């Protein structure tokens, strides 16, 4: 009979045994691949032995479908229909809901997201036992509504992309730990990212409440020795050269093996295309090198480096990464304009008013002559202004005839002859139209000199004085200029603006950055080959620059970042996979690097690398996963002779730690539970020895088996007791108060009838399926 602790969750008392062979559940649509069937058996074995686990298959092998198969197995074979809580990144929340509808349509799935009002509507009536089977929500909402989620008792709590709780000091880790659940399952393609402390955080999450090792003990036994060995070169490419390090790694594998399943694509998915990695070294441009060296030479930078303060060094590193990614992130090219001086008071006076008039001396002949000369000069100036005024009037009212027009008029002149009205109309119709083209309009004149304006009207003066036009043209000249027709001023507007404001050349966006120059060449090459591209970056501002760059070259692209709405993310990914006209998909590593399927692309470009190499692996496997039919090329851009080369070396050290701890662990669940071929062979050998008449051989075989079991227990006792079961429920009393007043219970529905029918006749359905 079903155990007592399962009765609150089970619909019917189904008889079951932990060693029963697992078959694909009846409700599951689709066919599991062989390794996915093995994963289902491992998950069912964990459940049968009351253990929590970490499903750490490499990205793209189908952890989602294996989890759905487990929940279907619990419903069909164990009578446990939930409720289950699945916490996922925001990017894949709707994707999980679609996967349930596709592979397990018999389950009621509640996608818990939206604003406060919508979430309140979703919670209406959800305390009913049959309200839903699975609740899918995001990490952000799980932390925000943790007080509400803790009021429900969940059966399975599944965390997708569980590396998001790798920091045990974070509020997210502690909040999710307090949610009540009978079992816990962590899904992650990268169980070890930066250091072993993050792996301890995952193990502590699934084993809270047991006498699991403290962080200090774990660090003394494993973390510190292994990290020092890697830095010292004792581990290279996954090979361990030191005996003490090898012994510690084997013991760590023993600790992890009961709770972790890890399969790689190269081991289980033989038909998956290859993944080829390329390192692209990008030299800095002249401007980048100047900014990089100038920043490093600053006294403030040198002082911060000598201080050794983490925040200061991290800030320096961020500034250097900005220079490497694009100099505009560090120092934007300015839009230059002229400094406009204020109008001076002196400009309101005429020059003659500021000069002292000669003394009026009429008593002497010399004085009278000087006074007459002064009056004559004033009269000449006034006459000149008047002539200029008359000339401006004549020019504005008389069209400007070109030399070609005058020559044509002279050549066509002839003596006047009398003619009739009919001749007048006939001559008018026969007159050639070439004369009209000789008088050019303002627009035509502007078009004829546009090349000259573009080439030479580029020097923006540093300072512009407002008094100059008034002094040169005078009041009448300015008034006449203001009366010019609109098309005339429009023609001058372009040249005037070019002399007033100077924008950076659009080509400089690419040529100021070594990475963009190399990216332009690579995109042209991949476009000609019929490939499609994913570009990942750490900085959202780089996405803005990439948008300008792609628009400049005319590439069709889609963008996904943290600001993209949940409803739009699924549409964007589906469109990229379906619409082959979209050449490029640009995304931030944190938003577009987890959980989504982008098999429409076969080339992945890392514009900049993450400190955490596993984040880059997550991004790579957006394209290199089940459904990909072409080889995937990975291009990693690294600025040459910069801090990015040091970051790459550090990332390689972290990859080495992951190789020796996780990849070399060979975490096969059959080895743990005695179901592998080797165990069968050993059992057969023992049975054969026991059949012999030589009892000494049989006793020796039994003694050897006892010794093996003793050594295995000794290794486990150093760290933990794997026989103790953990129910995964956080300590503390549960708050049974309702979130809100529940609606009146509705009875008599078809669903209630079906569930009650299965509840009373579950044995019949199980035997019928068998």
Foldseek 3Di string as FASTA:
>chain_A
DDDPVCVVFALFQADDALPDDDDFFPQFPDDDDPVLSLLLNLVSNCVRLQAAFEEQAAPFACPLSSVLRNLSCCCQRVRGQWQEEEAEALLCLVVSVVVCCVTRVVWFEAEQDDDPVVNVVSQFFPVPSRPGRYYYYYLVVCLVVLVAQQQDATAEYEYEQVLVLLDCPDSSLVSVLQRHYQYYYYYHNPCFWAFCSSVVSVVCSRFPPFCFDDSVVCCVLATVVLLVCLVVPCFDPQDGNDPSNLVSLLLLLLVRQSHYDYDYCVVRPVQFFAEAEDEAAFAAFPLLVVVLVVVCPDPVLVVLVVVPDPVSVVVVVVLNVLSQLFCCSNPNDDKDFAAEDDADPVLVDDPVVVDDDPDQDPPDPVSPVSNVVVVVVVVVVVVVVVVVVVVLVCPVVDADADPVLVVVVVVPDDDDDDDDPVVVVVCVVVPDPPNVVRRDDLVVVLVVCVVVLVVPLAAADHHDYPSVVCVVQNPVRVVSVVPDDPSNVVSCPVSVVNRGIHDDDLVCLQSNHRLSVVVVVVLVVCVVVLFAEEEEEADPVSVVSVVSVCVVVVAAEEEDEPPDDSVVSVVRQVCQLPPSSHRYYYYYLVNQLPDAANLSGQEYEYSAADLTNVSVSSNQSSNRHPPRNHHHYYYYYAHPPGCRVVSVVSNVSSVSVCSNNPVPSNSNSCVVVQNDPVSVVLVVVLVVQVPDPPVVSNVVSVVVVVVVVVVSCVSCVVGGDVSDRDRSGNDDDRDNDRPDDHDDDDDDDPVVVVSVVCNVCVVVSSVVVD
